[in-house]
Amino acid sequence: MGKEISELFLLLLLIYSGTTASAAILSFENQCGYTVWPAIVSGNGPTLRDGGFSLAAGKLVQLIADPGWSGRVWARTGCNFDSSGNGKCLTGDCGSLNCIGDGQPPVTLARFIIALGTTDNNFYDVSLVDGYNVGIGINATGGTSDCQYAGCIADLNGNCPPELQVVNVSGSVVACKSACEAFNAAQFCCADDYSTPQTCSRTQYSEHFKKACPNAYSYPYDDVSSRFTCSGSNYLITFCPTES
């Protein structure tokens, strides 16, 4: 497996390890048999890697997330960008190579909140609330506390209910919609009369996702079995993982 670790990155790593122990290294690994284009949208803190980049099969790229950084990550597929970064993607599109907003669902999301303090917990999860396009796994390394694996190893595109399928021009399933996107009904979207943990529960579709991917969010209030914490850890984010 190839690794793209620049001299500049190693220098920054030495600086951060000596001065800011609570910074986190985010390692992006592509185990898919094709190129993906990771997208990164920051909720708090600087934009990492300009918001998006290309990651060929078998490659790994490492980035540093500052203490207090939060954001969401997803993989885009079937992208075609020009030299200026303009273009579109078949799944997860966000308008250009360098994302400035959320991706077009259905998309599998990895989400992070990096703690400010060296002993505080980071929060991380993988969510199928906006559907699924590519499997994602998160392994927390070098930390303390719970630090469990989060993610979805199963290929939900190959087991997607017909009414949720997104197909390409050749008829292949390239993504699996959430029931909310497919039907736009309050009970599936946890909206209106279903907008609380007491009134919004799992449906047959979220149960389908949960059975396939027990360590990922299947609906908005799926916190107990889907949100994980770890203190002082780094994270390996794997696209198309084959094991936890």
C-alpha atoms as a PDB file:
ATOM      1  CA  MET A   1       0.000   0.000   0.000  1.00  0.00           C
ATOM      2  CA  GLY A   2       1.394   3.372  -1.009  1.00  0.00           C
ATOM      3  CA  LYS A   3       1.743   6.169   1.551  1.00  0.00           C
ATOM      4  CA  GLU A   4       1.963   9.837   0.757  1.00  0.00           C
ATOM      5  CA  ILE A   5       3.696  11.351   3.802  1.00  0.00           C
ATOM      6  CA  SER A   6       5.603  14.504   2.907  1.00  0.00           C
ATOM      7  CA  GLU A   7       8.624  15.939   4.693  1.00  0.00           C
ATOM      8  CA  LEU A   8       6.470  18.951   5.557  1.00  0.00           C
ATOM      9  CA  PHE A   9       3.890  16.690   7.220  1.00  0.00           C
ATOM     10  CA  LEU A  10       6.565  14.977   9.296  1.00  0.00           C
ATOM     11  CA  LEU A  11       7.908  18.357  10.386  1.00  0.00           C
ATOM     12  CA  LEU A  12       4.435  19.490  11.409  1.00  0.00           C
ATOM     13  CA  LEU A  13       3.913  16.230  13.257  1.00  0.00           C
ATOM     14  CA  LEU A  14       7.057  16.820  15.305  1.00  0.00           C
ATOM     15  CA  ILE A  15       5.924  20.342  16.128  1.00  0.00           C
ATOM     16  CA  TYR A  16       2.446  19.211  17.191  1.00  0.00           C
ATOM     17  CA  SER A  17       3.697  16.243  19.216  1.00  0.00           C
ATOM     18  CA  GLY A  18       5.920  18.577  21.184  1.00  0.00           C
ATOM     19  CA  THR A  19       3.464  21.405  21.784  1.00  0.00           C
ATOM     20  CA  THR A  20      -0.122  20.268  21.335  1.00  0.00           C
ATOM     21  CA  ALA A  21      -0.763  16.739  22.530  1.00  0.00           C
ATOM     22  CA  SER A  22      -4.487  16.917  21.859  1.00  0.00           C
ATOM     23  CA  ALA A  23      -4.173  17.531  18.115  1.00  0.00           C
ATOM     24  CA  ALA A  24      -5.336  14.495  16.117  1.00  0.00           C
ATOM     25  CA  ILE A  25      -3.848  12.879  13.044  1.00  0.00           C
ATOM     26  CA  LEU A  26      -6.550  11.884  10.532  1.00  0.00           C
ATOM     27  CA  SER A  27      -5.280   9.182   8.170  1.00  0.00           C
ATOM     28  CA  PHE A  28      -7.361   8.593   5.029  1.00  0.00           C
ATOM     29  CA  GLU A  29      -6.925   5.140   3.497  1.00  0.00           C
ATOM     30  CA  ASN A  30      -8.532   3.945   0.269  1.00  0.00           C
ATOM     31  CA  GLN A  31      -9.165   0.188   0.184  1.00  0.00           C
ATOM     32  CA  CYS A  32     -11.672   0.506  -2.647  1.00  0.00           C
ATOM     33  CA  GLY A  33     -10.700  -0.862  -6.034  1.00  0.00           C
ATOM     34  CA  TYR A  34     -11.120   2.591  -7.557  1.00  0.00           C
ATOM     35  CA  THR A  35     -10.262   6.229  -6.888  1.00  0.00           C
ATOM     36  CA  VAL A  36     -12.376   8.148  -4.391  1.00  0.00           C
ATOM     37  CA  TRP A  37     -12.382  11.876  -3.734  1.00  0.00           C
ATOM     38  CA  PRO A  38     -12.588  12.491   0.038  1.00  0.00           C
ATOM     39  CA  ALA A  39     -14.550  15.623   0.966  1.00  0.00           C
ATOM     40  CA  ILE A  40     -13.955  17.451   4.245  1.00  0.00           C
ATOM     41  CA  VAL A  41     -16.260  20.174   5.554  1.00  0.00           C
ATOM     42  CA  SER A  42     -15.195  21.864   8.792  1.00  0.00           C
ATOM     43  CA  GLY A  43     -17.788  22.848  11.377  1.00  0.00           C
ATOM     44  CA  ASN A  44     -15.189  24.525  13.573  1.00  0.00           C
ATOM     45  CA  GLY A  45     -11.558  25.270  12.777  1.00  0.00           C
ATOM     46  CA  PRO A  46      -9.615  25.475   9.525  1.00  0.00           C
ATOM     47  CA  THR A  47     -10.543  23.714   6.305  1.00  0.00           C
ATOM     48  CA  LEU A  48      -8.381  20.606   5.900  1.00  0.00           C
ATOM     49  CA  ARG A  49      -6.687  19.909   2.547  1.00  0.00           C
ATOM     50  CA  ASP A  50      -8.749  22.696   0.894  1.00  0.00           C
ATOM     51  CA  GLY A  51     -11.948  20.710   1.481  1.00  0.00           C
ATOM     52  CA  GLY A  52     -11.256  17.807  -0.850  1.00  0.00           C
ATOM     53  CA  PHE A  53      -8.676  15.782  -2.753  1.00  0.00           C
ATOM     54  CA  SER A  54      -8.179  12.716  -4.914  1.00  0.00           C
ATOM     55  CA  LEU A  55      -7.206   9.422  -3.287  1.00  0.00           C
ATOM     56  CA  ALA A  56      -6.227   6.563  -5.591  1.00  0.00           C
ATOM     57  CA  ALA A  57      -6.831   2.927  -4.659  1.00  0.00           C
ATOM     58  CA  GLY A  58      -4.277   1.695  -2.127  1.00  0.00           C
ATOM     59  CA  LYS A  59      -3.102   5.179  -1.110  1.00  0.00           C
ATOM     60  CA  LEU A  60      -3.016   6.846   2.297  1.00  0.00           C
ATOM     61  CA  VAL A  61      -2.958  10.573   3.137  1.00  0.00           C
ATOM     62  CA  GLN A  62      -2.500  12.043   6.623  1.00  0.00           C
ATOM     63  CA  LEU A  63      -3.778  15.398   7.885  1.00  0.00           C
ATOM     64  CA  ILE A  64      -3.648  17.183  11.247  1.00  0.00           C
ATOM     65  CA  ALA A  65      -6.848  18.315  12.991  1.00  0.00           C
ATOM     66  CA  ASP A  66      -6.262  21.035  15.594  1.00  0.00           C
ATOM     67  CA  PRO A  67      -7.716  20.837  19.110  1.00  0.00           C
ATOM     68  CA  GLY A  68     -11.312  22.017  18.939  1.00  0.00           C
ATOM     69  CA  TRP A  69     -11.678  21.069  15.268  1.00  0.00           C
ATOM     70  CA  SER A  70     -14.941  19.511  14.157  1.00  0.00           C
ATOM     71  CA  GLY A  71     -16.111  18.387  10.762  1.00  0.00           C
ATOM     72  CA  ARG A  72     -17.592  15.769   8.519  1.00  0.00           C
ATOM     73  CA  VAL A  73     -15.943  13.556   5.928  1.00  0.00           C
ATOM     74  CA  TRP A  74     -17.311  11.521   3.063  1.00  0.00           C
ATOM     75  CA  ALA A  75     -16.104   9.818  -0.109  1.00  0.00           C
ATOM     76  CA  ARG A  76     -17.160  10.979  -3.550  1.00  0.00           C
ATOM     77  CA  THR A  77     -17.217   8.557  -6.483  1.00  0.00           C
ATOM     78  CA  GLY A  78     -17.249   8.869 -10.251  1.00  0.00           C
ATOM     79  CA  CYS A  79     -15.771  12.381 -10.239  1.00  0.00           C
ATOM     80  CA  ASN A  80     -14.468  14.340 -13.196  1.00  0.00           C
ATOM     81  CA  PHE A  81     -12.664  17.613 -12.414  1.00  0.00           C
ATOM     82  CA  ASP A  82     -10.742  19.987 -14.660  1.00  0.00           C
ATOM     83  CA  SER A  83      -7.394  21.591 -13.790  1.00  0.00           C
ATOM     84  CA  SER A  84      -9.209  24.321 -11.828  1.00  0.00           C
ATOM     85  CA  GLY A  85     -11.130  21.808  -9.699  1.00  0.00           C
ATOM     86  CA  ASN A  86     -14.444  22.387 -11.443  1.00  0.00           C
ATOM     87  CA  GLY A  87     -16.576  19.350 -12.151  1.00  0.00           C
ATOM     88  CA  LYS A  88     -19.097  16.890 -10.802  1.00  0.00           C
ATOM     89  CA  CYS A  89     -19.256  13.531  -9.046  1.00  0.00           C
ATOM     90  CA  LEU A  90     -21.652  10.650  -9.518  1.00  0.00           C
ATOM     91  CA  THR A  91     -22.162  10.341  -5.741  1.00  0.00           C
ATOM     92  CA  GLY A  92     -21.442  12.744  -2.881  1.00  0.00           C
ATOM     93  CA  ASP A  93     -21.090  15.743  -5.202  1.00  0.00           C
ATOM     94  CA  CYS A  94     -20.454  19.124  -3.571  1.00  0.00           C
ATOM     95  CA  GLY A  95     -19.978  21.290  -6.665  1.00  0.00           C
ATOM     96  CA  SER A  96     -16.182  21.224  -7.038  1.00  0.00           C
ATOM     97  CA  LEU A  97     -13.040  19.409  -5.950  1.00  0.00           C
ATOM     98  CA  ASN A  98     -12.756  21.716  -2.916  1.00  0.00           C
ATOM     99  CA  CYS A  99     -16.055  21.420  -1.051  1.00  0.00           C
ATOM    100  CA  ILE A 100     -17.555  24.425   0.660  1.00  0.00           C
ATOM    101  CA  GLY A 101     -20.847  22.796   1.647  1.00  0.00           C
ATOM    102  CA  ASP A 102     -22.493  19.459   2.345  1.00  0.00           C
ATOM    103  CA  GLY A 103     -22.459  16.687  -0.209  1.00  0.00           C
ATOM    104  CA  GLN A 104     -25.486  15.638  -2.212  1.00  0.00           C
ATOM    105  CA  PRO A 105     -27.084  12.603  -0.545  1.00  0.00           C
ATOM    106  CA  PRO A 106     -27.099   9.671  -0.457  1.00  0.00           C
ATOM    107  CA  VAL A 107     -23.696   9.665   1.187  1.00  0.00           C
ATOM    108  CA  THR A 108     -21.987   7.829   4.059  1.00  0.00           C
ATOM    109  CA  LEU A 109     -20.689  10.353   6.607  1.00  0.00           C
ATOM    110  CA  ALA A 110     -17.845  10.206   9.134  1.00  0.00           C
ATOM    111  CA  ARG A 111     -18.088  12.911  11.797  1.00  0.00           C
ATOM    112  CA  PHE A 112     -15.540  14.189  14.325  1.00  0.00           C
ATOM    113  CA  ILE A 113     -15.279  16.578  17.264  1.00  0.00           C
ATOM    114  CA  ILE A 114     -11.677  16.908  18.479  1.00  0.00           C
ATOM    115  CA  ALA A 115     -11.394  17.931  22.131  1.00  0.00           C
ATOM    116  CA  LEU A 116      -9.700  21.140  23.265  1.00  0.00           C
ATOM    117  CA  GLY A 117      -8.083  19.581  26.330  1.00  0.00           C
ATOM    118  CA  THR A 118      -5.508  16.792  26.399  1.00  0.00           C
ATOM    119  CA  THR A 119      -7.640  14.632  28.712  1.00  0.00           C
ATOM    120  CA  ASP A 120     -11.072  15.449  27.248  1.00  0.00           C
ATOM    121  CA  ASN A 121     -12.898  13.022  24.986  1.00  0.00           C
ATOM    122  CA  ASN A 122     -13.064  13.281  21.224  1.00  0.00           C
ATOM    123  CA  PHE A 123     -16.373  12.290  19.632  1.00  0.00           C
ATOM    124  CA  TYR A 124     -16.664  10.387  16.365  1.00  0.00           C
ATOM    125  CA  ASP A 125     -19.211   8.352  14.428  1.00  0.00           C
ATOM    126  CA  VAL A 126     -20.243   7.037  11.028  1.00  0.00           C
ATOM    127  CA  SER A 127     -23.753   7.957   9.898  1.00  0.00           C
ATOM    128  CA  LEU A 128     -26.133   6.396   7.373  1.00  0.00           C
ATOM    129  CA  VAL A 129     -28.844   8.953   8.160  1.00  0.00           C
ATOM    130  CA  ASP A 130     -28.196  10.570   4.762  1.00  0.00           C
ATOM    131  CA  GLY A 131     -27.940   7.195   3.022  1.00  0.00           C
ATOM    132  CA  TYR A 132     -24.947   5.205   1.818  1.00  0.00           C
ATOM    133  CA  ASN A 133     -22.550   5.362  -1.104  1.00  0.00           C
ATOM    134  CA  VAL A 134     -19.219   3.911   0.133  1.00  0.00           C
ATOM    135  CA  GLY A 135     -18.307   1.901   3.217  1.00  0.00           C
ATOM    136  CA  ILE A 136     -16.360   3.843   5.862  1.00  0.00           C
ATOM    137  CA  GLY A 137     -14.581   2.617   8.982  1.00  0.00           C
ATOM    138  CA  ILE A 138     -12.987   4.638  11.790  1.00  0.00           C
ATOM    139  CA  ASN A 139     -10.310   3.092  13.988  1.00  0.00           C
ATOM    140  CA  ALA A 140      -9.146   5.158  16.978  1.00  0.00           C
ATOM    141  CA  THR A 141      -5.467   4.573  17.715  1.00  0.00           C
ATOM    142  CA  GLY A 142      -3.228   5.508  20.636  1.00  0.00           C
ATOM    143  CA  GLY A 143      -6.010   6.830  22.845  1.00  0.00           C
ATOM    144  CA  THR A 144      -7.740   6.007  26.105  1.00  0.00           C
ATOM    145  CA  SER A 145     -11.401   5.647  27.151  1.00  0.00           C
ATOM    146  CA  ASP A 146     -13.969   3.768  25.054  1.00  0.00           C
ATOM    147  CA  CYS A 147     -12.212   4.052  21.651  1.00  0.00           C
ATOM    148  CA  GLN A 148     -14.437   1.547  19.832  1.00  0.00           C
ATOM    149  CA  TYR A 149     -14.555   0.922  16.104  1.00  0.00           C
ATOM    150  CA  ALA A 150     -17.187   2.952  14.235  1.00  0.00           C
ATOM    151  CA  GLY A 151     -18.304   2.276  10.727  1.00  0.00           C
ATOM    152  CA  CYS A 152     -19.979   0.238   8.057  1.00  0.00           C
ATOM    153  CA  ILE A 153     -18.123  -2.682   6.507  1.00  0.00           C
ATOM    154  CA  ALA A 154     -21.119  -4.123   4.642  1.00  0.00           C
ATOM    155  CA  ASP A 155     -21.756  -3.253   0.996  1.00  0.00           C
ATOM    156  CA  LEU A 156     -25.207  -1.715   1.272  1.00  0.00           C
ATOM    157  CA  ASN A 157     -25.312  -0.935  -2.449  1.00  0.00           C
ATOM    158  CA  GLY A 158     -25.414  -4.649  -3.132  1.00  0.00           C
ATOM    159  CA  ASN A 159     -28.224  -5.138  -0.612  1.00  0.00           C
ATOM    160  CA  CYS A 160     -30.244  -1.951  -1.087  1.00  0.00           C
ATOM    161  CA  PRO A 161     -34.061  -2.174  -1.220  1.00  0.00           C
ATOM    162  CA  PRO A 162     -35.240  -1.432  -4.786  1.00  0.00           C
ATOM    163  CA  GLU A 163     -37.171   1.673  -3.728  1.00  0.00           C
ATOM    164  CA  LEU A 164     -33.988   3.204  -2.252  1.00  0.00           C
ATOM    165  CA  GLN A 165     -31.576   2.394  -5.072  1.00  0.00           C
ATOM    166  CA  VAL A 166     -29.642   4.983  -7.078  1.00  0.00           C
ATOM    167  CA  VAL A 167     -28.435   3.515 -10.370  1.00  0.00           C
ATOM    168  CA  ASN A 168     -26.009   4.780 -13.013  1.00  0.00           C
ATOM    169  CA  VAL A 169     -26.566   4.773 -16.770  1.00  0.00           C
ATOM    170  CA  SER A 170     -25.491   1.140 -17.000  1.00  0.00           C
ATOM    171  CA  GLY A 171     -28.006   0.087 -14.354  1.00  0.00           C
ATOM    172  CA  SER A 172     -25.522  -0.573 -11.543  1.00  0.00           C
ATOM    173  CA  VAL A 173     -26.471   0.482  -8.003  1.00  0.00           C
ATOM    174  CA  VAL A 174     -24.053   3.262  -6.969  1.00  0.00           C
ATOM    175  CA  ALA A 175     -25.776   4.455  -3.786  1.00  0.00           C
ATOM    176  CA  CYS A 176     -28.611   3.651  -1.402  1.00  0.00           C
ATOM    177  CA  LYS A 177     -30.981   6.447  -0.342  1.00  0.00           C
ATOM    178  CA  SER A 178     -32.267   7.007   3.145  1.00  0.00           C
ATOM    179  CA  ALA A 179     -36.011   6.509   3.555  1.00  0.00           C
ATOM    180  CA  CYS A 180     -36.259  10.221   4.370  1.00  0.00           C
ATOM    181  CA  GLU A 181     -34.791  11.196   0.993  1.00  0.00           C
ATOM    182  CA  ALA A 182     -36.792   8.560  -0.881  1.00  0.00           C
ATOM    183  CA  PHE A 183     -40.227   9.276   0.624  1.00  0.00           C
ATOM    184  CA  ASN A 184     -39.900  12.753   2.223  1.00  0.00           C
ATOM    185  CA  ALA A 185     -42.235  11.715   5.054  1.00  0.00           C
ATOM    186  CA  ALA A 186     -42.031  13.042   8.622  1.00  0.00           C
ATOM    187  CA  GLN A 187     -41.899   9.591  10.213  1.00  0.00           C
ATOM    188  CA  PHE A 188     -38.799   8.708   8.184  1.00  0.00           C
ATOM    189  CA  CYS A 189     -37.173  12.141   8.586  1.00  0.00           C
ATOM    190  CA  CYS A 190     -37.801  12.527  12.343  1.00  0.00           C
ATOM    191  CA  ALA A 191     -39.623  15.781  11.588  1.00  0.00           C
ATOM    192  CA  ASP A 192     -42.811  17.526  12.723  1.00  0.00           C
ATOM    193  CA  ASP A 193     -44.707  15.187  15.102  1.00  0.00           C
ATOM    194  CA  TYR A 194     -41.776  12.760  14.963  1.00  0.00           C
ATOM    195  CA  SER A 195     -39.036  15.223  15.916  1.00  0.00           C
ATOM    196  CA  THR A 196     -38.127  13.896  19.382  1.00  0.00           C
ATOM    197  CA  PRO A 197     -36.403  10.736  20.611  1.00  0.00           C
ATOM    198  CA  GLN A 198     -39.722   9.645  22.103  1.00  0.00           C
ATOM    199  CA  THR A 199     -41.694   9.947  18.848  1.00  0.00           C
ATOM    200  CA  CYS A 200     -39.057   9.020  16.271  1.00  0.00           C
ATOM    201  CA  SER A 201     -38.037   5.390  16.308  1.00  0.00           C
ATOM    202  CA  ARG A 202     -36.467   2.942  13.909  1.00  0.00           C
ATOM    203  CA  THR A 203     -38.353   1.970  10.771  1.00  0.00           C
ATOM    204  CA  GLN A 204     -38.026  -1.098   8.570  1.00  0.00           C
ATOM    205  CA  TYR A 205     -35.445   0.805   6.508  1.00  0.00           C
ATOM    206  CA  SER A 206     -33.298   2.009   9.397  1.00  0.00           C
ATOM    207  CA  GLU A 207     -33.503  -1.508  10.850  1.00  0.00           C
ATOM    208  CA  HIS A 208     -32.173  -2.789   7.515  1.00  0.00           C
ATOM    209  CA  PHE A 209     -29.206  -0.388   7.757  1.00  0.00           C
ATOM    210  CA  LYS A 210     -28.620  -1.187  11.440  1.00  0.00           C
ATOM    211  CA  LYS A 211     -28.573  -4.931  10.902  1.00  0.00           C
ATOM    212  CA  ALA A 212     -25.959  -4.547   8.176  1.00  0.00           C
ATOM    213  CA  CYS A 213     -23.904  -1.904  10.019  1.00  0.00           C
ATOM    214  CA  PRO A 214     -24.437  -2.111  13.806  1.00  0.00           C
ATOM    215  CA  ASN A 215     -21.656   0.419  14.537  1.00  0.00           C
ATOM    216  CA  ALA A 216     -23.174   3.232  12.460  1.00  0.00           C
ATOM    217  CA  TYR A 217     -26.096   5.630  12.902  1.00  0.00           C
ATOM    218  CA  SER A 218     -29.196   4.279  11.181  1.00  0.00           C
ATOM    219  CA  TYR A 219     -31.555   7.143  12.147  1.00  0.00           C
ATOM    220  CA  PRO A 220     -31.077  10.525  13.897  1.00  0.00           C
ATOM    221  CA  TYR A 221     -31.614   9.293  17.487  1.00  0.00           C
ATOM    222  CA  ASP A 222     -29.449   6.186  17.227  1.00  0.00           C
ATOM    223  CA  ASP A 223     -26.892   7.610  19.689  1.00  0.00           C
ATOM    224  CA  VAL A 224     -26.491   4.823  22.232  1.00  0.00           C
ATOM    225  CA  SER A 225     -24.927   2.261  19.873  1.00  0.00           C
ATOM    226  CA  SER A 226     -23.440   4.617  17.309  1.00  0.00           C
ATOM    227  CA  ARG A 227     -21.594   7.551  18.929  1.00  0.00           C
ATOM    228  CA  PHE A 228     -18.140   6.849  20.319  1.00  0.00           C
ATOM    229  CA  THR A 229     -15.542   8.651  22.430  1.00  0.00           C
ATOM    230  CA  CYS A 230     -11.783   8.453  22.830  1.00  0.00           C
ATOM    231  CA  SER A 231      -9.207  10.694  24.507  1.00  0.00           C
ATOM    232  CA  GLY A 232      -5.867  11.678  22.964  1.00  0.00           C
ATOM    233  CA  SER A 233      -6.319   9.473  19.909  1.00  0.00           C
ATOM    234  CA  ASN A 234      -5.552   9.577  16.212  1.00  0.00           C
ATOM    235  CA  TYR A 235      -7.942   8.175  13.613  1.00  0.00           C
ATOM    236  CA  LEU A 236      -7.635   5.872  10.623  1.00  0.00           C
ATOM    237  CA  ILE A 237     -10.523   6.547   8.225  1.00  0.00           C
ATOM    238  CA  THR A 238     -10.794   3.679   5.754  1.00  0.00           C
ATOM    239  CA  PHE A 239     -12.935   3.770   2.634  1.00  0.00           C
ATOM    240  CA  CYS A 240     -14.294   0.311   1.671  1.00  0.00           C
ATOM    241  CA  PRO A 241     -13.004  -1.373   4.855  1.00  0.00           C
ATOM    242  CA  THR A 242     -12.896  -5.151   4.906  1.00  0.00           C
ATOM    243  CA  GLU A 243     -12.488  -5.569   8.671  1.00  0.00           C
ATOM    244  CA  SER A 244     -12.827  -3.524  11.851  1.00  0.00           C
END
